[in-house]
Amino acid sequence: MATTAGDDTVLMAYEGSRLCKQCVKFTQHLDPETMLSSESRGVPTSLSFEHQPTFAALEHTASTGCDFCKLLHKATLLSVVKENQCSTEDAPARLHEDDVLDVPFMLSAVPIIQAQKSGHRRQFWHGVSYQRESRHWTLKSPRWYLTSQRNFDLYQSWVQNCSLEHQQCPANVVSTLPTRVLYVGAGSLRLMKSQGRKGEYATLSYCWGAARPYCTTKASLSNHLTYIDPYDLPQLYRDAIEVTRGLGHTYLWIDALCIVQDDETDRQRECSRMDAVYEGSAFTINCPLASNTDYGFLANDRRTLADCTIPISWEAGQPIATALVTLPDDSRVVHMIREEDESVLDDRAWIAQEYVLSPRTLSFGSAQVYFTCNEEVLYESLTCSMNQVNHSDLYSPQRFPHLDKNMLSKGQSDVHGLWYTFLWHYSRRSLTYGDDQLLAIAGIARRVGTMLPGDRYVAGLWASDLVRGLAWQRGLHDQYPVRQTSRHQSPARLATPTWSWVSLDRPIEHRDCFDRGQDRHPTPLLDIVSITGSGTRDEKLRIRGSLLPILGIEQGDLKVQLQDGSLSEFGWVADQVIADLWESNGKPSNPEEGKLRQITKVPGLDSCLLPLSVYEDISNVLALVLEPIPGQASTFRRIGRAERYGSRTHDSLGKIGERIDLVIV
């Protein structure tokens, strides 16, 4: 620690920050033995320390260059500004009015105790207040250097506490390892065949990027089983290996390395087991802003959000660790959390399943690290769980409707509605391979299937709730409406049944994913006879229902003749979009400047409406828009979904007479 003389204040330089003698004395009082009261049986007690005799003394040390005093001075003024709605220039005058300029200012710190795997307890300092009687100015938690062992101790404590204490989270148990895992323990880094071996392992959830990353192929498999040069790996993999080791684990699963990527048999087999891989992991590592594997998350300089570096935990008169202290500027806290909503992972289809199935997720954001499990979200910069924070002030990293990590926990009253909520999220994500459309959610489907004993999963929907399931529609409120995937170029997509949402290359939505909790179940207006076919691509839906002729379109609504001969208008959403146009003031534009206008297929005069169901409590009638397939009697394809509110339409449809048998392909 270097010292410099300035005025009557001696400044000590440490890790880029300069501290006055009083600030150094305060940091020396952050020793764990000082802050842990033996008389309180291990309960942490707060530390109180007289920092400066007056506000004028604080201003003086701040002006002479003490970075911690500058921070405290700024925190005090910002608190006054916020409380009195005044300018920064007027804040000292307000302090004078409150008679606090000539009284001692006290520093207090409150530690948080975390249980460790070894059974010992370690303290982590999470907050400091600058106060005078009932008035206080709080600075948010200091954070350890990201790559220090103390950081890994904190993350490990999150994982351990979740495994041991949380009722809604599974405990980490020694289980059968995946087919292949990356061995990251002592000795050479290598790929290892598990061959039934048991152990705990971590997983990596990430975005490949535009090009296929470094991976295992038929040609490299033999070499990888012997040795992998760490310097051949992209930075994202190397950082994940360091985190796995830092948290005391020996095995790591990375799909690109643990699956033989040019062996289609191996790829299909291992991809079908991904749900078990992520569900069985001790924790999953991800980096929300990594758009490819070249992105390294441990090397990022998160100190840009910190205002001062201070030494802590002293031994023999020398500091052995550092903490970064930040101001309690709400906009900065919101920024640190909101930026994770820009995660590239939120746009990847496979990762939706990985997120929900992983029991614990450790996310390395650009501002901080946070931990997610079924019970809580923990941030480095917050002194409490995210579920204890006012969500009107801090933005949760989940989208609406919420994709909750505990969505598959027991006690769900409407499992099918849960599935429709998941599809809302999933259909807005991109796929590298179009044929992975159902494969990428096969694990979630299996988990949901265990909650629906005896039900049948067919083409992305559930047979026992098929009438309600058919009521999906193309999403209307998405800025970029086309899923970024090769699916729209694949001939296989054309064979997908049109009655399934899988047939679209666009986001979809279901009305019941927004009405969950109201336990609404519509009354069917048709009967499902059977579902036939040899596979997902050619399954045909046989229905017994009534067809209503479409007489035309008026102001965008379908003009339909009801059973009693009267006319009714149905609002509708076309499944098929011919073109997406962005317009500004009626002229061609682009997504950043214009408003989306979609050119959709218009039903022909031979098209018809198939009443699907009615929500009795709100007189809401849902129907499918069908068009006949030339040359195939009573056979139709779906081209849209229609909807009508009103008791008259409801009453008329309630008197549906003869039903006919028809097929939807």
Foldseek 3Di string as FASTA:
>chain_A
DDWDDFDPWIWDDDPHFTATPLVQVVQACQAPVNQADVVVVRDGDKDKAFRDAFLVRLVVVVVRGHLVSVQVNVLQLVVQCVVVVDDSVCSVVVCVVVVRGRGIKMKMWTWDWFAFPVRDIDIATFWMWTDDVPDIGIWGGWFFQLLDLVNLRVVLSVLQCCQPPPPQFHHQDWAFAPQWWFFLDPDATAIAGRVRPTDAEEEEDEAAAPDHADAAAPVCNVVRRPHDDLVVHAQQVVQVSSSCVSSPHGTYDYPRYGFHVPPVVRVLVVLLCVLVNQLNHSEYEYEQADNHRNDHLSPQDLLVQFRRKDFHNDDPNHGDTITGIHGVDLVSQQVQAVVSLVGLLLQALLVLSSQQNHQKYWYRYNNWIWIDHQPFIGTSRDPDTPVVDDCVSHPHSADPVGSHSSLLTPDAPCLQLSLLLSLLSNLNHADAALVCSVSSCSSVVVSSCVVVDPWDQALSHIPVQVLQVLQKFFDDPDLDFFHHYCNVVDPLLVLAFQSHPSNARGRIHHPSNVVPPVPFDWAWQWDFDDWDDDGRRHIKTKIWFDKWFFQAADPQWTWTQFPVRDIDTWHKHWRAFPDWFFDDPRHGDDSVPGDIDTHFDDDDRQKTWTWRTARVVFRKTKIFIWHADPPDPQETETTIIIMDTDVVRSVRSVPDDGIDIHMGD
